[in-house]
Amino acid sequence: MDAHDDTPDRAHQRPEGLSDTTVEALGALSKALEMTERARGRLYDFHQLTGGADLELDRAVRLLREAGHPEWAEKVRTEILGRNVIPGHWTFQIVEAYNDTYYEPFKVLEKSAVGELAEGRDHLYEAEMKEARRTAGHPAHTARPDSL
């Protein structure tokens, strides 16, 4: 690459004929998938926190017994420990259902749309935003890592 060539790489340049509206639509689709990724992370947080709480109940049961409260230990053990979080489901089953029913089909659809409509060029909306916002010639505003 020429030392003065400071343009985005081909993977981040709009294919010829791709409309502004299509670029914006793919950007919105990508943003929605990214939000889904964050929601999925929170679902895993829910899964792990609930599982951790359930394991901590073992300690609570033991300590209640040691403190002379066997009836409360048994109540915690039988009423809460190992309980379904929604009817018929532990958290791992909720995560699996979310992944199979929503997350995986969404990922496949988004990749397909980018592949078919933008020749597989991802993040075009963001790449064009970067171009519009950077200061040409500034060393901290280069188009790509090898532009220096």
C-alpha atoms as a PDB file:
ATOM      1  CA  MET A   1       0.000   0.000   0.000  1.00  0.00           C
ATOM      2  CA  ASP A   2       1.200   3.500  -0.801  1.00  0.00           C
ATOM      3  CA  ALA A   3       2.103   5.478   2.350  1.00  0.00           C
ATOM      4  CA  HIS A   4      -0.336   8.208   1.261  1.00  0.00           C
ATOM      5  CA  ASP A   5      -3.266   5.870   0.557  1.00  0.00           C
ATOM      6  CA  ASP A   6      -5.595   6.424   3.462  1.00  0.00           C
ATOM      7  CA  THR A   7      -8.855   4.951   2.228  1.00  0.00           C
ATOM      8  CA  PRO A   8     -10.970   2.194   3.753  1.00  0.00           C
ATOM      9  CA  ASP A   9     -10.112  -1.352   2.745  1.00  0.00           C
ATOM     10  CA  ARG A  10     -12.273  -3.003   0.070  1.00  0.00           C
ATOM     11  CA  ALA A  11     -14.206  -4.999   2.683  1.00  0.00           C
ATOM     12  CA  HIS A  12     -15.499  -1.719   4.102  1.00  0.00           C
ATOM     13  CA  GLN A  13     -16.340   0.024   0.839  1.00  0.00           C
ATOM     14  CA  ARG A  14     -19.872   0.016  -0.523  1.00  0.00           C
ATOM     15  CA  PRO A  15     -20.341  -2.244  -3.543  1.00  0.00           C
ATOM     16  CA  GLU A  16     -21.300  -0.359  -6.695  1.00  0.00           C
ATOM     17  CA  GLY A  17     -25.012   0.308  -6.960  1.00  0.00           C
ATOM     18  CA  LEU A  18     -25.822  -0.307  -3.295  1.00  0.00           C
ATOM     19  CA  SER A  19     -28.290   2.363  -2.179  1.00  0.00           C
ATOM     20  CA  ASP A  20     -28.059   4.538   0.911  1.00  0.00           C
ATOM     21  CA  THR A  21     -31.300   2.998   2.153  1.00  0.00           C
ATOM     22  CA  THR A  22     -29.935  -0.543   1.801  1.00  0.00           C
ATOM     23  CA  VAL A  23     -26.757   0.416   3.674  1.00  0.00           C
ATOM     24  CA  GLU A  24     -28.884   2.000   6.399  1.00  0.00           C
ATOM     25  CA  ALA A  25     -31.179  -1.050   6.547  1.00  0.00           C
ATOM     26  CA  LEU A  26     -28.217  -3.426   6.877  1.00  0.00           C
ATOM     27  CA  GLY A  27     -26.800  -1.155   9.580  1.00  0.00           C
ATOM     28  CA  ALA A  28     -30.097  -1.331  11.472  1.00  0.00           C
ATOM     29  CA  LEU A  29     -30.199  -5.113  11.056  1.00  0.00           C
ATOM     30  CA  SER A  30     -26.632  -5.372  12.358  1.00  0.00           C
ATOM     31  CA  LYS A  31     -27.430  -3.091  15.299  1.00  0.00           C
ATOM     32  CA  ALA A  32     -30.470  -5.206  16.161  1.00  0.00           C
ATOM     33  CA  LEU A  33     -28.309  -8.351  16.108  1.00  0.00           C
ATOM     34  CA  GLU A  34     -25.721  -6.655  18.330  1.00  0.00           C
ATOM     35  CA  MET A  35     -28.497  -5.763  20.784  1.00  0.00           C
ATOM     36  CA  THR A  36     -29.608  -9.401  20.670  1.00  0.00           C
ATOM     37  CA  GLU A  37     -26.030 -10.426  21.487  1.00  0.00           C
ATOM     38  CA  ARG A  38     -26.192  -8.187  24.563  1.00  0.00           C
ATOM     39  CA  ALA A  39     -29.583  -9.605  25.564  1.00  0.00           C
ATOM     40  CA  ARG A  40     -28.177 -13.109  25.154  1.00  0.00           C
ATOM     41  CA  GLY A  41     -25.285 -12.175  27.445  1.00  0.00           C
ATOM     42  CA  ARG A  42     -27.749 -11.032  30.075  1.00  0.00           C
ATOM     43  CA  LEU A  43     -29.607 -14.309  29.664  1.00  0.00           C
ATOM     44  CA  TYR A  44     -26.336 -16.121  30.424  1.00  0.00           C
ATOM     45  CA  ASP A  45     -25.883 -13.785  33.412  1.00  0.00           C
ATOM     46  CA  PHE A  46     -29.366 -14.810  34.583  1.00  0.00           C
ATOM     47  CA  HIS A  47     -28.466 -18.483  34.031  1.00  0.00           C
ATOM     48  CA  GLN A  48     -25.195 -18.297  35.954  1.00  0.00           C
ATOM     49  CA  LEU A  49     -26.472 -16.087  38.765  1.00  0.00           C
ATOM     50  CA  THR A  50     -29.524 -18.274  39.318  1.00  0.00           C
ATOM     51  CA  GLY A  51     -27.367 -21.416  39.245  1.00  0.00           C
ATOM     52  CA  GLY A  52     -24.902 -19.848  41.673  1.00  0.00           C
ATOM     53  CA  ALA A  53     -27.730 -18.882  44.001  1.00  0.00           C
ATOM     54  CA  ASP A  54     -29.082 -22.422  43.892  1.00  0.00           C
ATOM     55  CA  LEU A  55     -25.652 -23.809  44.805  1.00  0.00           C
ATOM     56  CA  GLU A  56     -25.363 -21.288  47.666  1.00  0.00           C
ATOM     57  CA  LEU A  57     -28.589 -22.745  49.057  1.00  0.00           C
ATOM     58  CA  ASP A  58     -26.607 -25.877  49.982  1.00  0.00           C
ATOM     59  CA  ARG A  59     -24.602 -23.722  52.368  1.00  0.00           C
ATOM     60  CA  ALA A  60     -27.737 -22.062  53.756  1.00  0.00           C
ATOM     61  CA  VAL A  61     -29.326 -25.476  54.402  1.00  0.00           C
ATOM     62  CA  ARG A  62     -26.189 -26.735  56.148  1.00  0.00           C
ATOM     63  CA  LEU A  63     -25.887 -23.607  58.295  1.00  0.00           C
ATOM     64  CA  LEU A  64     -29.570 -23.645  59.237  1.00  0.00           C
ATOM     65  CA  ARG A  65     -29.141 -27.255  60.387  1.00  0.00           C
ATOM     66  CA  GLU A  66     -25.978 -26.374  62.344  1.00  0.00           C
ATOM     67  CA  ALA A  67     -27.778 -23.412  63.946  1.00  0.00           C
ATOM     68  CA  GLY A  68     -30.512 -25.709  65.217  1.00  0.00           C
ATOM     69  CA  HIS A  69     -33.208 -24.881  62.677  1.00  0.00           C
ATOM     70  CA  PRO A  70     -33.739 -28.215  60.913  1.00  0.00           C
ATOM     71  CA  GLU A  71     -37.328 -27.335  59.943  1.00  0.00           C
ATOM     72  CA  TRP A  72     -36.123 -24.219  58.085  1.00  0.00           C
ATOM     73  CA  ALA A  73     -33.265 -26.143  56.506  1.00  0.00           C
ATOM     74  CA  GLU A  74     -35.750 -28.703  55.206  1.00  0.00           C
ATOM     75  CA  LYS A  75     -38.141 -25.981  54.022  1.00  0.00           C
ATOM     76  CA  VAL A  76     -35.377 -24.286  51.993  1.00  0.00           C
ATOM     77  CA  ARG A  77     -34.188 -27.663  50.665  1.00  0.00           C
ATOM     78  CA  THR A  78     -37.612 -28.835  49.525  1.00  0.00           C
ATOM     79  CA  GLU A  79     -39.242 -25.554  48.502  1.00  0.00           C
ATOM     80  CA  ILE A  80     -36.470 -23.615  46.731  1.00  0.00           C
ATOM     81  CA  LEU A  81     -33.309 -25.692  46.128  1.00  0.00           C
ATOM     82  CA  GLY A  82     -33.466 -27.143  42.604  1.00  0.00           C
ATOM     83  CA  ARG A  83     -36.800 -25.473  41.845  1.00  0.00           C
ATOM     84  CA  ASN A  84     -37.823 -24.683  38.257  1.00  0.00           C
ATOM     85  CA  VAL A  85     -37.514 -20.964  37.496  1.00  0.00           C
ATOM     86  CA  ILE A  86     -40.559 -21.127  35.227  1.00  0.00           C
ATOM     87  CA  PRO A  87     -42.811 -24.189  34.936  1.00  0.00           C
ATOM     88  CA  GLY A  88     -40.773 -27.132  33.687  1.00  0.00           C
ATOM     89  CA  HIS A  89     -37.616 -25.128  33.052  1.00  0.00           C
ATOM     90  CA  TRP A  90     -34.272 -24.602  34.633  1.00  0.00           C
ATOM     91  CA  THR A  91     -32.296 -21.669  33.263  1.00  0.00           C
ATOM     92  CA  PHE A  92     -30.193 -23.822  30.901  1.00  0.00           C
ATOM     93  CA  GLN A  93     -33.404 -24.847  29.136  1.00  0.00           C
ATOM     94  CA  ILE A  94     -34.405 -21.203  28.706  1.00  0.00           C
ATOM     95  CA  VAL A  95     -30.964 -20.418  27.237  1.00  0.00           C
ATOM     96  CA  GLU A  96     -31.202 -23.384  24.858  1.00  0.00           C
ATOM     97  CA  ALA A  97     -34.688 -22.417  23.702  1.00  0.00           C
ATOM     98  CA  TYR A  98     -33.634 -18.786  23.154  1.00  0.00           C
ATOM     99  CA  ASN A  99     -30.591 -19.851  21.164  1.00  0.00           C
ATOM    100  CA  ASP A 100     -32.509 -22.326  18.989  1.00  0.00           C
ATOM    101  CA  THR A 101     -35.693 -20.311  18.521  1.00  0.00           C
ATOM    102  CA  TYR A 102     -34.392 -16.754  18.156  1.00  0.00           C
ATOM    103  CA  TYR A 103     -30.655 -16.146  18.322  1.00  0.00           C
ATOM    104  CA  GLU A 104     -29.320 -18.681  15.794  1.00  0.00           C
ATOM    105  CA  PRO A 105     -31.988 -17.941  13.128  1.00  0.00           C
ATOM    106  CA  PHE A 106     -31.330 -14.203  13.577  1.00  0.00           C
ATOM    107  CA  LYS A 107     -27.567 -14.688  13.109  1.00  0.00           C
ATOM    108  CA  VAL A 108     -28.097 -16.769   9.967  1.00  0.00           C
ATOM    109  CA  LEU A 109     -30.567 -14.262   8.489  1.00  0.00           C
ATOM    110  CA  GLU A 110     -28.312 -11.249   9.135  1.00  0.00           C
ATOM    111  CA  LYS A 111     -25.299 -12.992   7.577  1.00  0.00           C
ATOM    112  CA  SER A 112     -27.424 -13.991   4.591  1.00  0.00           C
ATOM    113  CA  ALA A 113     -28.714 -10.446   4.073  1.00  0.00           C
ATOM    114  CA  VAL A 114     -25.194  -8.978   4.186  1.00  0.00           C
ATOM    115  CA  GLY A 115     -23.979 -11.719   1.850  1.00  0.00           C
ATOM    116  CA  GLU A 116     -26.706 -11.253  -0.713  1.00  0.00           C
ATOM    117  CA  LEU A 117     -27.249  -7.497  -0.579  1.00  0.00           C
ATOM    118  CA  ALA A 118     -23.730  -6.187   0.161  1.00  0.00           C
ATOM    119  CA  GLU A 119     -21.444  -8.880  -1.292  1.00  0.00           C
ATOM    120  CA  GLY A 120     -20.640  -9.996   2.259  1.00  0.00           C
ATOM    121  CA  ARG A 121     -19.236  -6.611   3.231  1.00  0.00           C
ATOM    122  CA  ASP A 122     -20.122  -6.145   6.865  1.00  0.00           C
ATOM    123  CA  HIS A 123     -20.407  -2.890   8.836  1.00  0.00           C
ATOM    124  CA  LEU A 124     -20.728  -0.644   5.779  1.00  0.00           C
ATOM    125  CA  TYR A 125     -22.900   1.819   7.681  1.00  0.00           C
ATOM    126  CA  GLU A 126     -20.274   2.173  10.404  1.00  0.00           C
ATOM    127  CA  ALA A 127     -17.405   2.303   7.900  1.00  0.00           C
ATOM    128  CA  GLU A 128     -19.090   5.169   6.070  1.00  0.00           C
ATOM    129  CA  MET A 129     -19.788   6.917   9.383  1.00  0.00           C
ATOM    130  CA  LYS A 130     -16.091   6.605  10.233  1.00  0.00           C
ATOM    131  CA  GLU A 131     -15.114   8.122   6.877  1.00  0.00           C
ATOM    132  CA  ALA A 132     -17.480  11.038   7.401  1.00  0.00           C
ATOM    133  CA  ARG A 133     -16.195  11.740  10.923  1.00  0.00           C
ATOM    134  CA  ARG A 134     -12.446  11.298  10.686  1.00  0.00           C
ATOM    135  CA  THR A 135      -9.935  14.072  10.041  1.00  0.00           C
ATOM    136  CA  ALA A 136      -7.943  13.342   6.890  1.00  0.00           C
ATOM    137  CA  GLY A 137      -4.203  13.274   7.500  1.00  0.00           C
ATOM    138  CA  HIS A 138      -4.483  13.082  11.300  1.00  0.00           C
ATOM    139  CA  PRO A 139      -2.405  10.134  12.612  1.00  0.00           C
ATOM    140  CA  ALA A 140      -5.164   9.050  15.013  1.00  0.00           C
ATOM    141  CA  HIS A 141      -7.845   9.183  12.300  1.00  0.00           C
ATOM    142  CA  THR A 142      -6.470   6.703   9.753  1.00  0.00           C
ATOM    143  CA  ALA A 143      -8.863   4.648   7.649  1.00  0.00           C
ATOM    144  CA  ARG A 144      -7.339   1.313   8.656  1.00  0.00           C
ATOM    145  CA  PRO A 145      -4.536  -0.039  10.834  1.00  0.00           C
ATOM    146  CA  ASP A 146      -2.001  -0.228   7.974  1.00  0.00           C
ATOM    147  CA  SER A 147      -2.619   3.394   6.846  1.00  0.00           C
ATOM    148  CA  LEU A 148       0.298   4.705   8.924  1.00  0.00           C
END
